[in-house]
Amino acid sequence: MIELAGAGLSSPPDEDGVSWIEHLRTADLSVGTYVIPAGGSDPQDPHAEDEIYVVRSGRAVLSGSDGQIEVGSGSVVFVAAGEQHRFEQVSEDLVLIVVFGPAEGSREIGG
């Protein structure tokens, strides 16, 4: 058993203004914190792994191939592997706990 004490804490932002830090990686899953500042953009591309987003704080709209979902503190959203998605209209700093299954980057898109 491992407590993920750093979950929800971020690293310094990259050139896009977002930050990502991975807290746990096993063959079957990975967990990290993704932060997008208010007014920021989400540069991500689809992943080859399933994802669950848990919104720790902030507000935004998650746009995907199936439509849009308004998210805020406490929202939990599943995104299937390969699905195009992006956080937009980030009106408050968005802090997300992200769970990938299997671990992020462990599969090839379309594989």
PDB file of N, CA and C in Angstrom:
ATOM      1  N   MET A   1       0.848  -1.168   0.000  1.00  0.00           N
ATOM      2  CA  MET A   1       0.000   0.000   0.000  1.00  0.00           C
ATOM      3  C   MET A   1       0.898   1.236   0.000  1.00  0.00           C
ATOM      4  N   ILE A   2       0.515   2.226  -0.825  1.00  0.00           N
ATOM      5  CA  ILE A   2       1.283   3.467  -0.938  1.00  0.00           C
ATOM      6  C   ILE A   2       0.330   4.641  -0.886  1.00  0.00           C
ATOM      7  N   GLU A   3       0.608   5.605  -0.026  1.00  0.00           N
ATOM      8  CA  GLU A   3      -0.166   6.840  -0.022  1.00  0.00           C
ATOM      9  C   GLU A   3       0.441   7.790  -1.043  1.00  0.00           C
ATOM     10  N   LEU A   4      -0.380   8.344  -1.911  1.00  0.00           N
ATOM     11  CA  LEU A   4       0.077   9.299  -2.912  1.00  0.00           C
ATOM     12  C   LEU A   4      -0.066  10.705  -2.358  1.00  0.00           C
ATOM     13  N   ALA A   5       0.791  11.030  -1.412  1.00  0.00           N
ATOM     14  CA  ALA A   5       0.691  12.288  -0.684  1.00  0.00           C
ATOM     15  C   ALA A   5       0.835  13.502  -1.593  1.00  0.00           C
ATOM     16  N   GLY A   6       1.561  13.373  -2.702  1.00  0.00           N
ATOM     17  CA  GLY A   6       1.773  14.505  -3.599  1.00  0.00           C
ATOM     18  C   GLY A   6       0.686  14.691  -4.635  1.00  0.00           C
ATOM     19  N   ALA A   7      -0.301  13.796  -4.669  1.00  0.00           N
ATOM     20  CA  ALA A   7      -1.364  13.926  -5.667  1.00  0.00           C
ATOM     21  C   ALA A   7      -2.092  15.248  -5.475  1.00  0.00           C
ATOM     22  N   GLY A   8      -2.246  15.976  -6.557  1.00  0.00           N
ATOM     23  CA  GLY A   8      -2.875  17.289  -6.498  1.00  0.00           C
ATOM     24  C   GLY A   8      -1.868  18.417  -6.423  1.00  0.00           C
ATOM     25  N   LEU A   9      -0.596  18.085  -6.207  1.00  0.00           N
ATOM     26  CA  LEU A   9       0.462  19.094  -6.210  1.00  0.00           C
ATOM     27  C   LEU A   9       1.110  19.070  -7.584  1.00  0.00           C
ATOM     28  N   SER A  10       1.508  20.221  -8.084  1.00  0.00           N
ATOM     29  CA  SER A  10       2.021  20.282  -9.448  1.00  0.00           C
ATOM     30  C   SER A  10       3.486  20.678  -9.487  1.00  0.00           C
ATOM     31  N   SER A  11       4.033  20.552 -10.685  1.00  0.00           N
ATOM     32  CA  SER A  11       5.388  20.986 -10.959  1.00  0.00           C
ATOM     33  C   SER A  11       5.327  22.346 -11.649  1.00  0.00           C
ATOM     34  N   PRO A  12       6.466  23.011 -11.845  1.00  0.00           N
ATOM     35  CA  PRO A  12       6.437  24.290 -12.568  1.00  0.00           C
ATOM     36  C   PRO A  12       5.860  24.103 -13.970  1.00  0.00           C
ATOM     37  N   PRO A  13       5.141  25.099 -14.489  1.00  0.00           N
ATOM     38  CA  PRO A  13       4.518  24.975 -15.807  1.00  0.00           C
ATOM     39  C   PRO A  13       5.550  24.886 -16.932  1.00  0.00           C
ATOM     40  N   ASP A  14       5.145  24.233 -18.035  1.00  0.00           N
ATOM     41  CA  ASP A  14       6.007  24.144 -19.213  1.00  0.00           C
ATOM     42  C   ASP A  14       5.739  25.340 -20.121  1.00  0.00           C
ATOM     43  N   GLU A  15       6.244  25.283 -21.362  1.00  0.00           N
ATOM     44  CA  GLU A  15       6.101  26.416 -22.285  1.00  0.00           C
ATOM     45  C   GLU A  15       4.647  26.693 -22.659  1.00  0.00           C
ATOM     46  N   ASP A  16       3.754  25.705 -22.493  1.00  0.00           N
ATOM     47  CA  ASP A  16       2.323  25.913 -22.759  1.00  0.00           C
ATOM     48  C   ASP A  16       1.591  26.459 -21.533  1.00  0.00           C
ATOM     49  N   GLY A  17       2.294  26.588 -20.406  1.00  0.00           N
ATOM     50  CA  GLY A  17       1.679  27.090 -19.186  1.00  0.00           C
ATOM     51  C   GLY A  17       1.024  26.009 -18.350  1.00  0.00           C
ATOM     52  N   VAL A  18       1.090  24.745 -18.793  1.00  0.00           N
ATOM     53  CA  VAL A  18       0.493  23.645 -18.042  1.00  0.00           C
ATOM     54  C   VAL A  18       1.593  22.892 -17.288  1.00  0.00           C
ATOM     55  N   SER A  19       1.189  22.104 -16.323  1.00  0.00           N
ATOM     56  CA  SER A  19       2.174  21.283 -15.631  1.00  0.00           C
ATOM     57  C   SER A  19       1.637  19.872 -15.456  1.00  0.00           C
ATOM     58  N   TRP A  20       2.530  18.921 -15.475  1.00  0.00           N
ATOM     59  CA  TRP A  20       2.218  17.504 -15.308  1.00  0.00           C
ATOM     60  C   TRP A  20       3.294  16.888 -14.437  1.00  0.00           C
ATOM     61  N   ILE A  21       2.880  16.151 -13.441  1.00  0.00           N
ATOM     62  CA  ILE A  21       3.821  15.397 -12.625  1.00  0.00           C
ATOM     63  C   ILE A  21       3.203  14.027 -12.357  1.00  0.00           C
ATOM     64  N   GLU A  22       3.995  13.003 -12.582  1.00  0.00           N
ATOM     65  CA  GLU A  22       3.521  11.640 -12.356  1.00  0.00           C
ATOM     66  C   GLU A  22       3.859  11.236 -10.921  1.00  0.00           C
ATOM     67  N   HIS A  23       2.876  10.678 -10.218  1.00  0.00           N
ATOM     68  CA  HIS A  23       3.049  10.289  -8.818  1.00  0.00           C
ATOM     69  C   HIS A  23       3.250   8.797  -8.637  1.00  0.00           C
ATOM     70  N   LEU A  24       2.746   8.002  -9.587  1.00  0.00           N
ATOM     71  CA  LEU A  24       2.824   6.542  -9.462  1.00  0.00           C
ATOM     72  C   LEU A  24       2.789   5.926 -10.846  1.00  0.00           C
ATOM     73  N   ARG A  25       3.604   4.881 -11.044  1.00  0.00           N
ATOM     74  CA  ARG A  25       3.601   4.138 -12.301  1.00  0.00           C
ATOM     75  C   ARG A  25       3.793   2.660 -11.991  1.00  0.00           C
ATOM     76  N   THR A  26       2.857   1.855 -12.494  1.00  0.00           N
ATOM     77  CA  THR A  26       2.995   0.404 -12.492  1.00  0.00           C
ATOM     78  C   THR A  26       2.699  -0.034 -13.925  1.00  0.00           C
ATOM     79  N   ALA A  27       2.817  -1.316 -14.207  1.00  0.00           N
ATOM     80  CA  ALA A  27       2.509  -1.793 -15.552  1.00  0.00           C
ATOM     81  C   ALA A  27       1.042  -1.570 -15.894  1.00  0.00           C
ATOM     82  N   ASP A  28       0.169  -1.599 -14.895  1.00  0.00           N
ATOM     83  CA  ASP A  28      -1.266  -1.555 -15.136  1.00  0.00           C
ATOM     84  C   ASP A  28      -1.905  -0.181 -15.052  1.00  0.00           C
ATOM     85  N   LEU A  29      -1.219   0.790 -14.433  1.00  0.00           N
ATOM     86  CA  LEU A  29      -1.787   2.133 -14.342  1.00  0.00           C
ATOM     87  C   LEU A  29      -0.729   3.141 -13.972  1.00  0.00           C
ATOM     88  N   SER A  30      -1.051   4.405 -14.214  1.00  0.00           N
ATOM     89  CA  SER A  30      -0.226   5.498 -13.721  1.00  0.00           C
ATOM     90  C   SER A  30      -1.161   6.602 -13.239  1.00  0.00           C
ATOM     91  N   VAL A  31      -0.653   7.401 -12.298  1.00  0.00           N
ATOM     92  CA  VAL A  31      -1.440   8.464 -11.683  1.00  0.00           C
ATOM     93  C   VAL A  31      -0.580   9.720 -11.641  1.00  0.00           C
ATOM     94  N   GLY A  32      -1.186  10.845 -12.012  1.00  0.00           N
ATOM     95  CA  GLY A  32      -0.455  12.094 -11.951  1.00  0.00           C
ATOM     96  C   GLY A  32      -1.382  13.271 -11.760  1.00  0.00           C
ATOM     97  N   THR A  33      -0.776  14.444 -11.640  1.00  0.00           N
ATOM     98  CA  THR A  33      -1.521  15.688 -11.503  1.00  0.00           C
ATOM     99  C   THR A  33      -1.252  16.549 -12.729  1.00  0.00           C
ATOM    100  N   TYR A  34      -2.329  17.040 -13.334  1.00  0.00           N
ATOM    101  CA  TYR A  34      -2.270  17.886 -14.520  1.00  0.00           C
ATOM    102  C   TYR A  34      -2.924  19.211 -14.151  1.00  0.00           C
ATOM    103  N   VAL A  35      -2.221  20.320 -14.398  1.00  0.00           N
ATOM    104  CA  VAL A  35      -2.738  21.645 -14.044  1.00  0.00           C
ATOM    105  C   VAL A  35      -2.739  22.535 -15.280  1.00  0.00           C
ATOM    106  N   ILE A  36      -3.884  23.179 -15.520  1.00  0.00           N
ATOM    107  CA  ILE A  36      -4.023  24.159 -16.594  1.00  0.00           C
ATOM    108  C   ILE A  36      -4.482  25.462 -15.934  1.00  0.00           C
ATOM    109  N   PRO A  37      -3.732  26.547 -16.109  1.00  0.00           N
ATOM    110  CA  PRO A  37      -4.133  27.803 -15.470  1.00  0.00           C
ATOM    111  C   PRO A  37      -5.371  28.407 -16.128  1.00  0.00           C
ATOM    112  N   ALA A  38      -6.083  29.238 -15.381  1.00  0.00           N
ATOM    113  CA  ALA A  38      -7.240  29.950 -15.924  1.00  0.00           C
ATOM    114  C   ALA A  38      -6.829  30.679 -17.194  1.00  0.00           C
ATOM    115  N   GLY A  39      -7.642  30.522 -18.240  1.00  0.00           N
ATOM    116  CA  GLY A  39      -7.347  31.149 -19.520  1.00  0.00           C
ATOM    117  C   GLY A  39      -6.350  30.379 -20.366  1.00  0.00           C
ATOM    118  N   GLY A  40      -5.784  29.307 -19.809  1.00  0.00           N
ATOM    119  CA  GLY A  40      -4.778  28.523 -20.522  1.00  0.00           C
ATOM    120  C   GLY A  40      -5.391  27.579 -21.532  1.00  0.00           C
ATOM    121  N   SER A  41      -4.522  26.974 -22.332  1.00  0.00           N
ATOM    122  CA  SER A  41      -4.982  26.008 -23.320  1.00  0.00           C
ATOM    123  C   SER A  41      -4.399  24.636 -23.008  1.00  0.00           C
ATOM    124  N   ASP A  42      -5.078  23.621 -23.487  1.00  0.00           N
ATOM    125  CA  ASP A  42      -4.721  22.226 -23.242  1.00  0.00           C
ATOM    126  C   ASP A  42      -4.139  21.653 -24.531  1.00  0.00           C
ATOM    127  N   PRO A  43      -2.824  21.435 -24.593  1.00  0.00           N
ATOM    128  CA  PRO A  43      -2.200  21.000 -25.841  1.00  0.00           C
ATOM    129  C   PRO A  43      -2.199  19.486 -26.070  1.00  0.00           C
ATOM    130  N   GLN A  44      -2.874  18.717 -25.240  1.00  0.00           N
ATOM    131  CA  GLN A  44      -2.748  17.265 -25.331  1.00  0.00           C
ATOM    132  C   GLN A  44      -3.358  16.665 -26.587  1.00  0.00           C
ATOM    133  N   ASP A  45      -2.796  15.538 -26.978  1.00  0.00           N
ATOM    134  CA  ASP A  45      -3.310  14.706 -28.065  1.00  0.00           C
ATOM    135  C   ASP A  45      -3.938  13.473 -27.443  1.00  0.00           C
ATOM    136  N   PRO A  46      -4.740  12.716 -28.214  1.00  0.00           N
ATOM    137  CA  PRO A  46      -5.336  11.494 -27.655  1.00  0.00           C
ATOM    138  C   PRO A  46      -4.259  10.534 -27.146  1.00  0.00           C
ATOM    139  N   HIS A  47      -4.630   9.799 -26.117  1.00  0.00           N
ATOM    140  CA  HIS A  47      -3.728   8.799 -25.528  1.00  0.00           C
ATOM    141  C   HIS A  47      -4.170   7.412 -25.951  1.00  0.00           C
ATOM    142  N   ALA A  48      -3.255   6.484 -25.927  1.00  0.00           N
ATOM    143  CA  ALA A  48      -3.567   5.089 -26.275  1.00  0.00           C
ATOM    144  C   ALA A  48      -4.083   4.321 -25.064  1.00  0.00           C
ATOM    145  N   GLU A  49      -4.200   5.000 -23.941  1.00  0.00           N
ATOM    146  CA  GLU A  49      -4.672   4.367 -22.704  1.00  0.00           C
ATOM    147  C   GLU A  49      -5.989   5.010 -22.277  1.00  0.00           C
ATOM    148  N   ASP A  50      -6.821   4.251 -21.571  1.00  0.00           N
ATOM    149  CA  ASP A  50      -8.023   4.823 -20.964  1.00  0.00           C
ATOM    150  C   ASP A  50      -7.590   5.814 -19.886  1.00  0.00           C
ATOM    151  N   GLU A  51      -8.437   6.818 -19.640  1.00  0.00           N
ATOM    152  CA  GLU A  51      -8.139   7.825 -18.613  1.00  0.00           C
ATOM    153  C   GLU A  51      -9.350   8.090 -17.739  1.00  0.00           C
ATOM    154  N   ILE A  52      -9.078   8.392 -16.495  1.00  0.00           N
ATOM    155  CA  ILE A  52     -10.086   8.945 -15.603  1.00  0.00           C
ATOM    156  C   ILE A  52      -9.525  10.257 -15.074  1.00  0.00           C
ATOM    157  N   TYR A  53     -10.323  11.315 -15.208  1.00  0.00           N
ATOM    158  CA  TYR A  53      -9.972  12.626 -14.669  1.00  0.00           C
ATOM    159  C   TYR A  53     -10.807  12.862 -13.419  1.00  0.00           C
ATOM    160  N   VAL A  54     -10.156  13.227 -12.326  1.00  0.00           N
ATOM    161  CA  VAL A  54     -10.834  13.643 -11.096  1.00  0.00           C
ATOM    162  C   VAL A  54     -10.471  15.111 -10.901  1.00  0.00           C
ATOM    163  N   VAL A  55     -11.476  15.992 -10.950  1.00  0.00           N
ATOM    164  CA  VAL A  55     -11.223  17.426 -10.821  1.00  0.00           C
ATOM    165  C   VAL A  55     -11.098  17.759  -9.343  1.00  0.00           C
ATOM    166  N   ARG A  56      -9.904  18.155  -8.964  1.00  0.00           N
ATOM    167  CA  ARG A  56      -9.658  18.538  -7.567  1.00  0.00           C
ATOM    168  C   ARG A  56     -10.142  19.960  -7.307  1.00  0.00           C
ATOM    169  N   SER A  57      -9.899  20.856  -8.287  1.00  0.00           N
ATOM    170  CA  SER A  57     -10.387  22.233  -8.176  1.00  0.00           C
ATOM    171  C   SER A  57     -10.375  22.869  -9.558  1.00  0.00           C
ATOM    172  N   GLY A  58     -11.108  23.965  -9.683  1.00  0.00           N
ATOM    173  CA  GLY A  58     -11.164  24.709 -10.926  1.00  0.00           C
ATOM    174  C   GLY A  58     -12.434  24.439 -11.712  1.00  0.00           C
ATOM    175  N   ARG A  59     -12.526  25.115 -12.873  1.00  0.00           N
ATOM    176  CA  ARG A  59     -13.695  24.972 -13.744  1.00  0.00           C
ATOM    177  C   ARG A  59     -13.233  25.040 -15.193  1.00  0.00           C
ATOM    178  N   ALA A  60     -13.854  24.193 -16.029  1.00  0.00           N
ATOM    179  CA  ALA A  60     -13.546  24.182 -17.460  1.00  0.00           C
ATOM    180  C   ALA A  60     -14.617  23.384 -18.188  1.00  0.00           C
ATOM    181  N   VAL A  61     -14.462  23.286 -19.499  1.00  0.00           N
ATOM    182  CA  VAL A  61     -15.304  22.449 -20.332  1.00  0.00           C
ATOM    183  C   VAL A  61     -14.391  21.407 -20.974  1.00  0.00           C
ATOM    184  N   LEU A  62     -14.761  20.136 -20.859  1.00  0.00           N
ATOM    185  CA  LEU A  62     -14.032  19.069 -21.521  1.00  0.00           C
ATOM    186  C   LEU A  62     -14.765  18.768 -22.828  1.00  0.00           C
ATOM    187  N   SER A  63     -14.085  19.039 -23.947  1.00  0.00           N
ATOM    188  CA  SER A  63     -14.669  18.800 -25.269  1.00  0.00           C
ATOM    189  C   SER A  63     -14.084  17.525 -25.839  1.00  0.00           C
ATOM    190  N   GLY A  64     -14.963  16.704 -26.406  1.00  0.00           N
ATOM    191  CA  GLY A  64     -14.517  15.456 -27.004  1.00  0.00           C
ATOM    192  C   GLY A  64     -15.382  15.089 -28.181  1.00  0.00           C
ATOM    193  N   SER A  65     -15.108  13.934 -28.738  1.00  0.00           N
ATOM    194  CA  SER A  65     -15.855  13.496 -29.923  1.00  0.00           C
ATOM    195  C   SER A  65     -17.331  13.247 -29.618  1.00  0.00           C
ATOM    196  N   ASP A  66     -17.666  13.038 -28.337  1.00  0.00           N
ATOM    197  CA  ASP A  66     -19.059  12.800 -27.947  1.00  0.00           C
ATOM    198  C   ASP A  66     -19.774  14.057 -27.463  1.00  0.00           C
ATOM    199  N   GLY A  67     -19.123  15.218 -27.506  1.00  0.00           N
ATOM    200  CA  GLY A  67     -19.752  16.447 -27.052  1.00  0.00           C
ATOM    201  C   GLY A  67     -18.909  17.165 -26.019  1.00  0.00           C
ATOM    202  N   GLN A  68     -19.580  17.904 -25.144  1.00  0.00           N
ATOM    203  CA  GLN A  68     -18.902  18.704 -24.127  1.00  0.00           C
ATOM    204  C   GLN A  68     -19.490  18.417 -22.754  1.00  0.00           C
ATOM    205  N   ILE A  69     -18.609  18.497 -21.740  1.00  0.00           N
ATOM    206  CA  ILE A  69     -19.027  18.320 -20.351  1.00  0.00           C
ATOM    207  C   ILE A  69     -18.423  19.462 -19.546  1.00  0.00           C
ATOM    208  N   GLU A  70     -19.257  20.192 -18.804  1.00  0.00           N
ATOM    209  CA  GLU A  70     -18.744  21.192 -17.870  1.00  0.00           C
ATOM    210  C   GLU A  70     -18.223  20.456 -16.649  1.00  0.00           C
ATOM    211  N   VAL A  71     -16.999  20.780 -16.231  1.00  0.00           N
ATOM    212  CA  VAL A  71     -16.410  20.121 -15.065  1.00  0.00           C
ATOM    213  C   VAL A  71     -16.030  21.143 -14.014  1.00  0.00           C
ATOM    214  N   GLY A  72     -16.079  20.705 -12.769  1.00  0.00           N
ATOM    215  CA  GLY A  72     -15.689  21.524 -11.634  1.00  0.00           C
ATOM    216  C   GLY A  72     -15.265  20.605 -10.505  1.00  0.00           C
ATOM    217  N   SER A  73     -14.924  21.191  -9.392  1.00  0.00           N
ATOM    218  CA  SER A  73     -14.443  20.430  -8.239  1.00  0.00           C
ATOM    219  C   SER A  73     -15.350  19.240  -7.942  1.00  0.00           C
ATOM    220  N   GLY A  74     -14.758  18.044  -7.905  1.00  0.00           N
ATOM    221  CA  GLY A  74     -15.499  16.825  -7.609  1.00  0.00           C
ATOM    222  C   GLY A  74     -15.957  16.059  -8.836  1.00  0.00           C
ATOM    223  N   SER A  75     -15.883  16.664 -10.026  1.00  0.00           N
ATOM    224  CA  SER A  75     -16.265  15.951 -11.246  1.00  0.00           C
ATOM    225  C   SER A  75     -15.303  14.793 -11.497  1.00  0.00           C
ATOM    226  N   VAL A  76     -15.843  13.690 -12.015  1.00  0.00           N
ATOM    227  CA  VAL A  76     -15.045  12.533 -12.411  1.00  0.00           C
ATOM    228  C   VAL A  76     -15.488  12.150 -13.815  1.00  0.00           C
ATOM    229  N   VAL A  77     -14.540  12.076 -14.752  1.00  0.00           N
ATOM    230  CA  VAL A  77     -14.862  11.829 -16.150  1.00  0.00           C
ATOM    231  C   VAL A  77     -13.970  10.716 -16.697  1.00  0.00           C
ATOM    232  N   PHE A  78     -14.571   9.795 -17.458  1.00  0.00           N
ATOM    233  CA  PHE A  78     -13.843   8.732 -18.143  1.00  0.00           C
ATOM    234  C   PHE A  78     -13.676   9.104 -19.605  1.00  0.00           C
ATOM    235  N   VAL A  79     -12.461   8.940 -20.140  1.00  0.00           N
ATOM    236  CA  VAL A  79     -12.182   9.149 -21.558  1.00  0.00           C
ATOM    237  C   VAL A  79     -11.537   7.868 -22.083  1.00  0.00           C
ATOM    238  N   ALA A  80     -12.159   7.264 -23.092  1.00  0.00           N
ATOM    239  CA  ALA A  80     -11.648   6.016 -23.659  1.00  0.00           C
ATOM    240  C   ALA A  80     -10.362   6.245 -24.448  1.00  0.00           C
ATOM    241  N   ALA A  81      -9.539   5.231 -24.490  1.00  0.00           N
ATOM    242  CA  ALA A  81      -8.290   5.279 -25.250  1.00  0.00           C
ATOM    243  C   ALA A  81      -8.559   5.715 -26.681  1.00  0.00           C
ATOM    244  N   GLY A  82      -7.715   6.628 -27.182  1.00  0.00           N
ATOM    245  CA  GLY A  82      -7.810   7.089 -28.553  1.00  0.00           C
ATOM    246  C   GLY A  82      -8.826   8.184 -28.814  1.00  0.00           C
ATOM    247  N   GLU A  83      -9.680   8.495 -27.826  1.00  0.00           N
ATOM    248  CA  GLU A  83     -10.707   9.523 -28.035  1.00  0.00           C
ATOM    249  C   GLU A  83     -10.082  10.917 -28.013  1.00  0.00           C
ATOM    250  N   GLN A  84     -10.403  11.704 -29.016  1.00  0.00           N
ATOM    251  CA  GLN A  84      -9.962  13.094 -29.077  1.00  0.00           C
ATOM    252  C   GLN A  84     -10.650  13.856 -27.940  1.00  0.00           C
ATOM    253  N   HIS A  85      -9.901  14.606 -27.150  1.00  0.00           N
ATOM    254  CA  HIS A  85     -10.478  15.395 -26.061  1.00  0.00           C
ATOM    255  C   HIS A  85      -9.523  16.513 -25.681  1.00  0.00           C
ATOM    256  N   ARG A  86     -10.105  17.571 -25.091  1.00  0.00           N
ATOM    257  CA  ARG A  86      -9.308  18.729 -24.717  1.00  0.00           C
ATOM    258  C   ARG A  86     -10.101  19.569 -23.714  1.00  0.00           C
ATOM    259  N   PHE A  87      -9.403  20.114 -22.722  1.00  0.00           N
ATOM    260  CA  PHE A  87     -10.041  21.038 -21.794  1.00  0.00           C
ATOM    261  C   PHE A  87     -10.022  22.425 -22.421  1.00  0.00           C
ATOM    262  N   GLU A  88     -11.180  23.082 -22.402  1.00  0.00           N
ATOM    263  CA  GLU A  88     -11.342  24.413 -22.983  1.00  0.00           C
ATOM    264  C   GLU A  88     -12.060  25.307 -21.975  1.00  0.00           C
ATOM    265  N   GLN A  89     -12.097  26.588 -22.274  1.00  0.00           N
ATOM    266  CA  GLN A  89     -12.820  27.548 -21.422  1.00  0.00           C
ATOM    267  C   GLN A  89     -12.442  27.367 -19.954  1.00  0.00           C
ATOM    268  N   VAL A  90     -11.149  27.317 -19.696  1.00  0.00           N
ATOM    269  CA  VAL A  90     -10.669  27.143 -18.321  1.00  0.00           C
ATOM    270  C   VAL A  90     -10.854  28.478 -17.600  1.00  0.00           C
ATOM    271  N   SER A  91     -11.905  28.551 -16.774  1.00  0.00           N
ATOM    272  CA  SER A  91     -12.254  29.817 -16.122  1.00  0.00           C
ATOM    273  C   SER A  91     -11.634  29.963 -14.738  1.00  0.00           C
ATOM    274  N   GLU A  92     -11.214  28.869 -14.131  1.00  0.00           N
ATOM    275  CA  GLU A  92     -10.492  28.864 -12.852  1.00  0.00           C
ATOM    276  C   GLU A  92      -9.367  27.853 -12.993  1.00  0.00           C
ATOM    277  N   ASP A  93      -8.215  28.112 -12.355  1.00  0.00           N
ATOM    278  CA  ASP A  93      -7.094  27.169 -12.429  1.00  0.00           C
ATOM    279  C   ASP A  93      -7.620  25.750 -12.242  1.00  0.00           C
ATOM    280  N   LEU A  94      -7.324  24.881 -13.205  1.00  0.00           N
ATOM    281  CA  LEU A  94      -7.850  23.526 -13.213  1.00  0.00           C
ATOM    282  C   LEU A  94      -6.789  22.555 -12.705  1.00  0.00           C
ATOM    283  N   VAL A  95      -7.090  21.868 -11.614  1.00  0.00           N
ATOM    284  CA  VAL A  95      -6.179  20.884 -11.028  1.00  0.00           C
ATOM    285  C   VAL A  95      -6.862  19.528 -11.119  1.00  0.00           C
ATOM    286  N   LEU A  96      -6.229  18.620 -11.875  1.00  0.00           N
ATOM    287  CA  LEU A  96      -6.806  17.315 -12.166  1.00  0.00           C
ATOM    288  C   LEU A  96      -5.901  16.189 -11.666  1.00  0.00           C
ATOM    289  N   ILE A  97      -6.500  15.193 -11.022  1.00  0.00           N
ATOM    290  CA  ILE A  97      -5.812  13.933 -10.768  1.00  0.00           C
ATOM    291  C   ILE A  97      -6.173  13.058 -11.969  1.00  0.00           C
ATOM    292  N   VAL A  98      -5.160  12.516 -12.646  1.00  0.00           N
ATOM    293  CA  VAL A  98      -5.378  11.724 -13.853  1.00  0.00           C
ATOM    294  C   VAL A  98      -4.895  10.300 -13.610  1.00  0.00           C
ATOM    295  N   VAL A  99      -5.766   9.330 -13.910  1.00  0.00           N
ATOM    296  CA  VAL A  99      -5.429   7.916 -13.786  1.00  0.00           C
ATOM    297  C   VAL A  99      -5.457   7.322 -15.189  1.00  0.00           C
ATOM    298  N   PHE A 100      -4.352   6.726 -15.620  1.00  0.00           N
ATOM    299  CA  PHE A 100      -4.248   6.052 -16.903  1.00  0.00           C
ATOM    300  C   PHE A 100      -4.233   4.548 -16.686  1.00  0.00           C
ATOM    301  N   GLY A 101      -4.941   3.812 -17.529  1.00  0.00           N
ATOM    302  CA  GLY A 101      -4.891   2.363 -17.469  1.00  0.00           C
ATOM    303  C   GLY A 101      -4.793   1.784 -18.866  1.00  0.00           C
ATOM    304  N   PRO A 102      -3.753   1.054 -19.194  1.00  0.00           N
ATOM    305  CA  PRO A 102      -2.537   0.848 -18.411  1.00  0.00           C
ATOM    306  C   PRO A 102      -1.735   2.142 -18.307  1.00  0.00           C
ATOM    307  N   ALA A 103      -0.530   2.086 -17.801  1.00  0.00           N
ATOM    308  CA  ALA A 103       0.277   3.276 -17.563  1.00  0.00           C
ATOM    309  C   ALA A 103       0.420   4.131 -18.820  1.00  0.00           C
ATOM    310  N   GLU A 104       0.405   5.452 -18.633  1.00  0.00           N
ATOM    311  CA  GLU A 104       0.535   6.393 -19.752  1.00  0.00           C
ATOM    312  C   GLU A 104       1.784   6.080 -20.575  1.00  0.00           C
ATOM    313  N   GLY A 105       1.602   6.075 -21.884  1.00  0.00           N
ATOM    314  CA  GLY A 105       2.732   5.854 -22.774  1.00  0.00           C
ATOM    315  C   GLY A 105       3.131   4.403 -22.953  1.00  0.00           C
ATOM    316  N   SER A 106       2.386   3.488 -22.341  1.00  0.00           N
ATOM    317  CA  SER A 106       2.759   2.068 -22.422  1.00  0.00           C
ATOM    318  C   SER A 106       2.216   1.388 -23.685  1.00  0.00           C
ATOM    319  N   ARG A 107       1.330   2.070 -24.404  1.00  0.00           N
ATOM    320  CA  ARG A 107       0.772   1.537 -25.648  1.00  0.00           C
ATOM    321  C   ARG A 107       1.037   2.521 -26.780  1.00  0.00           C
ATOM    322  N   GLU A 108       0.952   2.021 -27.984  1.00  0.00           N
ATOM    323  CA  GLU A 108       1.028   2.863 -29.177  1.00  0.00           C
ATOM    324  C   GLU A 108      -0.388   3.197 -29.598  1.00  0.00           C
ATOM    325  N   ILE A 109      -0.610   4.417 -30.110  1.00  0.00           N
ATOM    326  CA  ILE A 109      -1.924   4.775 -30.650  1.00  0.00           C
ATOM    327  C   ILE A 109      -2.271   3.779 -31.748  1.00  0.00           C
ATOM    328  N   GLY A 110      -3.487   3.237 -31.676  1.00  0.00           N
ATOM    329  CA  GLY A 110      -3.934   2.267 -32.659  1.00  0.00           C
ATOM    330  C   GLY A 110      -3.402   0.870 -32.412  1.00  0.00           C
ATOM    331  N   GLY A 111      -2.659   0.682 -31.277  1.00  0.00           N
ATOM    332  CA  GLY A 111      -2.050  -0.625 -31.030  1.00  0.00           C
ATOM    333  C   GLY A 111      -2.697  -1.422 -29.987  1.00  0.00           C
TER     334      GLY A 111
END
